[in-house]
Amino acid sequence: MVSSKQHSKSPFLLVLLLLVLSTNLALYRLPLPILPAPADATGVILGSLFDFSIVAPLLLLAMTRKKGFTVKRFITFMVLGIVAARFIIPAAYFEPFKFVPYVAIGMEGIIVLAELGLIFLLLKHMPRIIRDIKSSEEGPLFSFAALVEKRVGSHLLIKIISAEILMFYYAFASWKKRPFVGGNRFTMHTKTSYIAFQVMIIHAIVVETFGIHWWLHGKSLILSIVLLVLNVYSVIFFIGDIQALRLNPLIVDDKKIRISLGLGKRMTIPLDEIAHIAWGDEAANENLKAKGIVDFIVRDLEAVTPQCVITFKRPLKATLFLGFEKEFTKAALRVDDPVGFRNRLEGH
């Protein structure tokens, strides 16, 4: 009920935003006789700047409230609003306030410098983080982000950079590693053609890169370079994803389940947070598209169903692509050895 009420507010907020923008646009760009001379329009200009720098950003933040309110997002919207005001308000009227865009851009620059400081802090702590990873039993996929958050912080930029570092590590620096299987570790991909399918995609991207890049190079150099960069990134991601999947089987220990699906998602499930475990037909009939359920199922060209669905006592966080986090109430799993996994899990 609450969520539907919040959702119903979005069109109203959009109408208010459009009203603010359109009235200011009409005031300055339509031949209306109500606009005073530039020398007498100081109050009008201040009102428009207030609309663009305060009212419009607050409306945008309210419309995107699911992403949360942050000072950085507000200042970014404010800078965009002031830049828009600079183009909408005629130069003769904006002349007394021409310093305002520079102040706004300067505030954005301070935020950028602060983020660069966070990156420097991450680089400073990286040797210690690497030592801690080597002494950890969890492996880089689960321990790296936690150690970065502990020593540097949980800023969104740091989470994204951490995710990218993991991608490059698994793509280039993990080839001497060998996956440990058996015991309390359960693979999820060996009975599928998932890795072969991923290799086929990589091959297709490489072939397409050579062909399309050569054709686009003579027509649009910038577009061909952008496409080349995106394709190279895609290949690196798929290679890292394959390695992350191979080297990180599902692990059940005395206190928790650690499960990941390559670089795309991972989760830690404490055993004392499990309310119910569904097996067999009960699990297979679970609606995987339902809200609040995350699936860890390796898929290729065949349609598969979960062997196990775990219901939590409370919502638990899963880490998704680029380090973003989301809460779920259930997890659907499929492993290569379901009998051994069930025996191991029910043994606790």
Protein backbone atom coordinates (compact mmCIF):
# COMPACT_ATOMS: atom_id res chain seq x y z
CA MET A 1 0.00 0.00 0.00
CA VAL A 2 2.80 2.41 0.95
CA SER A 3 4.76 1.60 -2.19
CA SER A 4 1.71 2.18 -4.42
CA LYS A 5 1.11 5.57 -2.78
CA GLN A 6 4.73 6.53 -3.36
CA HIS A 7 4.52 5.37 -6.95
CA SER A 8 1.36 7.47 -7.50
CA LYS A 9 3.26 10.59 -6.44
CA SER A 10 5.75 10.31 -9.32
CA PRO A 11 3.42 11.63 -12.08
CA PHE A 12 2.43 14.54 -9.82
CA LEU A 13 6.09 15.40 -9.19
CA LEU A 14 6.80 15.15 -12.92
CA VAL A 15 3.94 17.58 -13.65
CA LEU A 16 5.35 20.01 -11.06
CA LEU A 17 8.83 19.76 -12.60
CA LEU A 18 7.50 20.37 -16.11
CA LEU A 19 5.45 23.30 -14.79
CA VAL A 20 8.54 24.90 -13.22
CA LEU A 21 10.59 24.48 -16.39
CA SER A 22 7.87 25.50 -18.84
CA THR A 23 6.86 28.67 -16.94
CA ASN A 24 10.45 29.87 -16.84
CA LEU A 25 10.95 28.99 -20.48
CA ALA A 26 7.77 30.83 -21.47
CA LEU A 27 8.75 33.86 -19.37
CA TYR A 28 12.07 34.40 -21.13
CA ARG A 29 11.59 32.90 -24.59
CA LEU A 30 8.03 33.87 -25.54
CA PRO A 31 7.12 37.44 -26.57
CA LEU A 32 5.20 38.17 -23.38
CA PRO A 33 4.85 41.78 -22.17
CA ILE A 34 5.17 40.87 -18.48
CA LEU A 35 8.99 40.67 -18.27
CA PRO A 36 10.48 43.94 -16.93
CA ALA A 37 13.64 45.57 -18.26
CA PRO A 38 16.95 43.92 -17.26
CA ALA A 39 17.72 46.66 -14.72
CA ASP A 40 14.43 46.03 -12.90
CA ALA A 41 14.34 42.22 -13.20
CA THR A 42 16.68 41.27 -10.35
CA GLY A 43 13.89 39.70 -8.29
CA VAL A 44 12.58 37.77 -11.28
CA ILE A 45 16.04 36.38 -12.10
CA LEU A 46 16.60 35.38 -8.47
CA GLY A 47 13.27 33.55 -8.51
CA SER A 48 14.24 31.69 -11.68
CA LEU A 49 17.64 30.77 -10.25
CA PHE A 50 15.88 29.48 -7.14
CA ASP A 51 13.60 27.36 -9.34
CA PHE A 52 16.50 25.89 -11.32
CA SER A 53 19.00 25.43 -8.48
CA ILE A 54 16.72 24.39 -5.59
CA VAL A 55 13.16 23.52 -6.63
CA ALA A 56 13.95 21.46 -9.76
CA PRO A 57 16.78 19.45 -8.10
CA LEU A 58 14.55 18.66 -5.09
CA LEU A 59 11.76 17.49 -7.41
CA LEU A 60 14.24 15.29 -9.31
CA LEU A 61 15.52 13.82 -6.05
CA ALA A 62 11.96 13.12 -4.92
CA MET A 63 11.20 11.40 -8.25
CA THR A 64 14.34 9.23 -7.91
CA ARG A 65 14.08 8.70 -4.13
CA LYS A 66 14.75 4.97 -4.47
CA LYS A 67 18.37 5.85 -5.25
CA GLY A 68 18.57 7.77 -2.00
CA PHE A 69 19.32 11.39 -1.16
CA THR A 70 22.98 12.37 -1.26
CA VAL A 71 24.63 15.77 -1.25
CA LYS A 72 26.53 14.84 -4.39
CA ARG A 73 23.36 14.05 -6.34
CA PHE A 74 21.74 17.29 -5.16
CA ILE A 75 24.77 19.38 -6.17
CA THR A 76 24.96 17.60 -9.53
CA PHE A 77 21.29 18.37 -10.23
CA MET A 78 21.85 21.93 -9.01
CA VAL A 79 24.77 22.46 -11.40
CA LEU A 80 22.73 21.07 -14.28
CA GLY A 81 19.85 23.38 -13.33
CA ILE A 82 22.05 26.47 -13.22
CA VAL A 83 23.62 25.57 -16.57
CA ALA A 84 20.11 25.17 -18.00
CA ALA A 85 19.17 28.58 -16.54
CA ARG A 86 22.20 30.13 -18.21
CA PHE A 87 20.92 29.04 -21.61
CA ILE A 88 17.25 29.90 -20.96
CA ILE A 89 17.71 33.33 -19.36
CA PRO A 90 18.84 35.94 -21.94
CA ALA A 91 22.41 37.22 -21.53
CA ALA A 92 21.28 40.78 -20.78
CA TYR A 93 19.25 39.55 -17.80
CA PHE A 94 21.84 37.04 -16.59
CA GLU A 95 24.76 39.51 -16.68
CA PRO A 96 24.65 40.44 -12.93
CA PHE A 97 24.66 36.73 -12.03
CA LYS A 98 27.24 35.43 -14.50
CA PHE A 99 29.44 34.28 -11.59
CA VAL A 100 26.80 31.78 -10.36
CA PRO A 101 27.58 28.95 -12.85
CA TYR A 102 31.26 29.14 -11.94
CA VAL A 103 30.44 28.84 -8.22
CA ALA A 104 28.22 25.80 -8.92
CA ILE A 105 30.87 24.16 -11.11
CA GLY A 106 33.44 24.89 -8.40
CA MET A 107 31.29 23.03 -5.85
CA GLU A 108 31.06 20.08 -8.23
CA GLY A 109 34.84 20.28 -8.64
CA ILE A 110 35.29 20.01 -4.87
CA ILE A 111 33.23 16.81 -4.89
CA VAL A 112 35.34 15.43 -7.75
CA LEU A 113 38.52 16.22 -5.79
CA ALA A 114 37.06 14.45 -2.75
CA GLU A 115 36.36 11.37 -4.89
CA LEU A 116 39.90 11.49 -6.26
CA GLY A 117 41.04 11.58 -2.63
CA LEU A 118 39.07 8.38 -1.98
CA ILE A 119 40.76 6.72 -4.96
CA PHE A 120 44.17 7.79 -3.62
CA LEU A 121 43.20 6.37 -0.22
CA LEU A 122 42.24 3.08 -1.88
CA LEU A 123 45.62 2.90 -3.64
CA LYS A 124 47.38 3.70 -0.39
CA HIS A 125 45.68 0.82 1.44
CA MET A 126 45.88 -1.65 -1.45
CA PRO A 127 49.10 -3.44 -0.28
CA ARG A 128 47.54 -4.04 3.16
CA ILE A 129 44.27 -5.20 1.59
CA ILE A 130 46.15 -7.67 -0.63
CA ARG A 131 47.99 -9.08 2.40
CA ASP A 132 44.70 -9.48 4.25
CA ILE A 133 43.15 -11.28 1.24
CA LYS A 134 46.04 -13.75 1.11
CA SER A 135 45.53 -14.59 4.78
CA SER A 136 41.75 -14.88 4.38
CA GLU A 137 39.95 -18.14 3.67
CA GLU A 138 37.15 -16.49 1.71
CA GLY A 139 39.05 -15.58 -1.47
CA PRO A 140 39.10 -12.21 -3.30
CA LEU A 141 35.53 -12.35 -4.58
CA PHE A 142 34.04 -12.16 -1.08
CA SER A 143 36.83 -10.61 0.98
CA PHE A 144 38.10 -7.80 -1.30
CA ALA A 145 34.99 -5.60 -1.22
CA ALA A 146 34.57 -6.09 2.55
CA LEU A 147 38.20 -5.13 3.21
CA VAL A 148 37.95 -2.08 0.94
CA GLU A 149 34.80 -0.95 2.76
CA LYS A 150 36.52 -1.46 6.11
CA ARG A 151 39.62 0.57 5.24
CA VAL A 152 38.33 3.12 2.70
CA GLY A 153 34.54 3.33 3.04
CA SER A 154 31.36 2.36 1.26
CA HIS A 155 31.17 5.23 -1.24
CA LEU A 156 29.47 4.22 -4.49
CA LEU A 157 32.51 5.17 -6.58
CA ILE A 158 34.75 2.96 -4.42
CA LYS A 159 32.30 0.05 -4.79
CA ILE A 160 32.35 0.40 -8.58
CA ILE A 161 36.15 0.64 -8.70
CA SER A 162 36.41 -2.41 -6.42
CA ALA A 163 34.15 -4.37 -8.76
CA GLU A 164 36.29 -3.36 -11.75
CA ILE A 165 39.49 -4.38 -9.92
CA LEU A 166 37.95 -7.80 -9.25
CA MET A 167 37.05 -8.13 -12.94
CA PHE A 168 40.62 -7.39 -14.06
CA TYR A 169 42.05 -9.68 -11.37
CA TYR A 170 39.99 -12.66 -12.48
CA ALA A 171 40.52 -11.90 -16.16
CA PHE A 172 44.31 -11.57 -16.01
CA ALA A 173 45.78 -12.61 -12.65
CA SER A 174 43.91 -15.76 -11.66
CA TRP A 175 45.03 -18.27 -14.27
CA LYS A 176 47.51 -20.02 -11.97
CA LYS A 177 44.75 -20.64 -9.43
CA ARG A 178 43.00 -24.00 -9.28
CA PRO A 179 39.47 -24.47 -7.96
CA PHE A 180 39.07 -26.52 -4.80
CA VAL A 181 36.12 -28.92 -5.04
CA GLY A 182 34.71 -31.64 -2.84
CA GLY A 183 33.90 -31.67 0.84
CA ASN A 184 31.93 -28.55 1.60
CA ARG A 185 32.40 -27.03 -1.89
CA PHE A 186 29.87 -27.56 -4.67
CA THR A 187 30.30 -26.54 -8.29
CA MET A 188 27.40 -25.11 -10.28
CA HIS A 189 28.58 -25.15 -13.90
CA THR A 190 30.31 -28.45 -14.72
CA LYS A 191 27.11 -30.17 -15.86
CA THR A 192 26.19 -27.32 -18.19
CA SER A 193 27.63 -25.88 -21.38
CA TYR A 194 27.73 -22.41 -19.83
CA ILE A 195 31.47 -21.84 -20.20
CA ALA A 196 31.41 -23.08 -23.81
CA PHE A 197 28.53 -20.69 -24.46
CA GLN A 198 30.50 -17.80 -22.92
CA VAL A 199 33.55 -18.66 -25.03
CA MET A 200 31.33 -18.65 -28.11
CA ILE A 201 30.10 -15.16 -27.19
CA ILE A 202 33.69 -13.96 -26.72
CA HIS A 203 34.60 -15.37 -30.13
CA ALA A 204 31.61 -13.61 -31.73
CA ILE A 205 32.55 -10.29 -30.09
CA VAL A 206 36.15 -10.56 -31.32
CA VAL A 207 35.07 -11.33 -34.90
CA GLU A 208 32.47 -8.56 -34.81
CA THR A 209 35.05 -6.11 -33.41
CA PHE A 210 37.43 -6.61 -36.32
CA GLY A 211 34.70 -6.46 -38.95
CA ILE A 212 32.60 -3.58 -37.61
CA HIS A 213 35.59 -1.55 -36.43
CA TRP A 214 37.21 -1.75 -39.86
CA TRP A 215 33.95 -0.72 -41.55
CA LEU A 216 33.16 2.10 -39.07
CA HIS A 217 36.71 3.47 -39.02
CA GLY A 218 36.26 5.09 -42.42
CA LYS A 219 32.81 6.48 -41.56
CA SER A 220 33.07 7.65 -37.96
CA LEU A 221 36.39 7.44 -36.13
CA ILE A 222 34.89 8.36 -32.75
CA LEU A 223 32.07 5.81 -33.02
CA SER A 224 34.52 3.08 -34.07
CA ILE A 225 36.76 3.83 -31.07
CA VAL A 226 33.80 3.83 -28.65
CA LEU A 227 32.61 0.49 -30.05
CA LEU A 228 36.14 -0.92 -29.82
CA VAL A 229 36.45 0.10 -26.15
CA LEU A 230 33.04 -1.40 -25.29
CA ASN A 231 33.87 -4.65 -27.05
CA VAL A 232 37.27 -4.96 -25.35
CA TYR A 233 35.61 -4.32 -21.98
CA SER A 234 32.96 -6.95 -22.77
CA VAL A 235 35.61 -9.56 -23.60
CA ILE A 236 37.52 -8.80 -20.39
CA PHE A 237 34.30 -9.04 -18.38
CA PHE A 238 33.29 -12.40 -19.88
CA ILE A 239 36.77 -13.84 -19.26
CA GLY A 240 36.75 -12.59 -15.67
CA ASP A 241 33.20 -13.90 -15.20
CA ILE A 242 34.23 -17.38 -16.37
CA GLN A 243 37.21 -17.44 -14.02
CA ALA A 244 35.18 -16.16 -11.08
CA LEU A 245 32.61 -18.89 -11.66
CA ARG A 246 35.28 -21.63 -11.91
CA LEU A 247 37.26 -20.52 -8.85
CA ASN A 248 34.37 -19.81 -6.52
CA PRO A 249 32.12 -22.84 -5.98
CA LEU A 250 29.32 -22.72 -3.46
CA ILE A 251 30.72 -23.22 0.05
CA VAL A 252 28.85 -24.47 3.11
CA ASP A 253 30.68 -24.10 6.42
CA ASP A 254 29.56 -24.27 10.04
CA LYS A 255 28.02 -20.79 10.05
CA LYS A 256 27.09 -19.73 6.53
CA ILE A 257 26.66 -20.43 2.84
CA ARG A 258 28.81 -18.44 0.41
CA ILE A 259 27.46 -18.49 -3.11
CA SER A 260 28.28 -16.56 -6.24
CA LEU A 261 27.41 -16.57 -9.92
CA GLY A 262 30.57 -15.28 -11.53
CA LEU A 263 31.02 -11.53 -11.25
CA GLY A 264 27.30 -10.87 -11.64
CA LYS A 265 26.08 -11.61 -8.12
CA ARG A 266 27.19 -13.07 -4.84
CA MET A 267 25.71 -13.56 -1.42
CA THR A 268 26.48 -14.81 2.06
CA ILE A 269 23.63 -16.62 3.82
CA PRO A 270 24.09 -17.19 7.59
CA LEU A 271 22.67 -20.57 8.54
CA ASP A 272 20.86 -19.10 11.53
CA GLU A 273 18.98 -16.74 9.17
CA ILE A 274 17.36 -19.61 7.24
CA ALA A 275 13.64 -19.96 7.95
CA HIS A 276 12.74 -22.68 5.44
CA ILE A 277 14.37 -24.77 2.70
CA ALA A 278 12.29 -26.10 -0.18
CA TRP A 279 13.56 -29.09 -2.18
CA GLY A 280 12.43 -31.05 -5.21
CA ASP A 281 9.07 -30.19 -6.74
CA GLU A 282 8.38 -27.49 -4.17
CA ALA A 283 11.56 -25.68 -5.22
CA ALA A 284 11.03 -26.35 -8.94
CA ASN A 285 7.59 -24.74 -8.82
CA GLU A 286 8.91 -21.53 -7.28
CA ASN A 287 8.26 -18.41 -9.36
CA LEU A 288 11.76 -17.03 -10.03
CA LYS A 289 10.32 -13.77 -11.33
CA ALA A 290 8.60 -13.02 -8.04
CA LYS A 291 9.72 -9.98 -6.11
CA GLY A 292 12.34 -10.63 -3.45
CA ILE A 293 13.90 -13.78 -4.90
CA VAL A 294 17.44 -14.01 -6.25
CA ASP A 295 18.54 -17.03 -8.27
CA PHE A 296 21.98 -18.58 -8.45
CA ILE A 297 21.39 -20.86 -11.41
CA VAL A 298 23.90 -21.34 -14.21
CA ARG A 299 21.96 -21.23 -17.45
CA ASP A 300 22.94 -22.18 -20.97
CA LEU A 301 20.52 -22.88 -23.81
CA GLU A 302 18.35 -25.27 -21.79
CA ALA A 303 15.58 -24.22 -19.43
CA VAL A 304 16.35 -25.36 -15.88
CA THR A 305 14.59 -25.14 -12.52
CA PRO A 306 15.99 -24.63 -9.02
CA GLN A 307 16.78 -27.67 -6.90
CA CYS A 308 16.61 -25.69 -3.68
CA VAL A 309 14.90 -22.48 -2.54
CA ILE A 310 16.01 -20.96 0.76
CA THR A 311 13.66 -18.59 2.58
CA PHE A 312 15.30 -16.13 4.98
CA LYS A 313 14.05 -14.97 8.35
CA ARG A 314 14.74 -11.38 7.27
CA PRO A 315 15.84 -9.72 4.00
CA LEU A 316 19.52 -10.32 3.24
CA LYS A 317 21.77 -8.32 0.94
CA ALA A 318 23.23 -9.67 -2.27
CA THR A 319 25.99 -7.89 -4.18
CA LEU A 320 25.15 -7.43 -7.85
CA PHE A 321 26.92 -6.10 -10.94
CA LEU A 322 29.37 -3.21 -10.27
CA GLY A 323 29.04 -3.64 -6.52
CA PHE A 324 25.43 -2.52 -6.23
CA GLU A 325 23.52 -4.15 -3.37
CA LYS A 326 19.90 -5.26 -3.07
CA GLU A 327 17.92 -7.08 -0.41
CA PHE A 328 16.17 -10.39 -1.05
CA THR A 329 13.97 -12.70 1.01
CA LYS A 330 14.67 -15.93 -0.91
CA ALA A 331 17.50 -17.54 -2.86
CA ALA A 332 17.02 -20.21 -5.54
CA LEU A 333 20.00 -22.53 -6.05
CA ARG A 334 21.10 -25.22 -8.48
CA VAL A 335 24.32 -27.21 -7.98
CA ASP A 336 26.02 -30.09 -9.76
CA ASP A 337 25.70 -32.41 -6.74
CA PRO A 338 22.25 -31.74 -5.22
CA VAL A 339 22.28 -34.86 -3.04
CA GLY A 340 25.64 -34.04 -1.48
CA PHE A 341 24.62 -30.41 -1.04
CA ARG A 342 21.39 -31.38 0.72
CA ASN A 343 23.17 -33.83 3.01
CA ARG A 344 25.75 -31.23 3.88
CA LEU A 345 23.18 -28.51 4.51
CA GLU A 346 20.81 -30.65 6.54
CA GLY A 347 23.75 -31.96 8.55
CA HIS A 348 23.94 -28.54 10.15
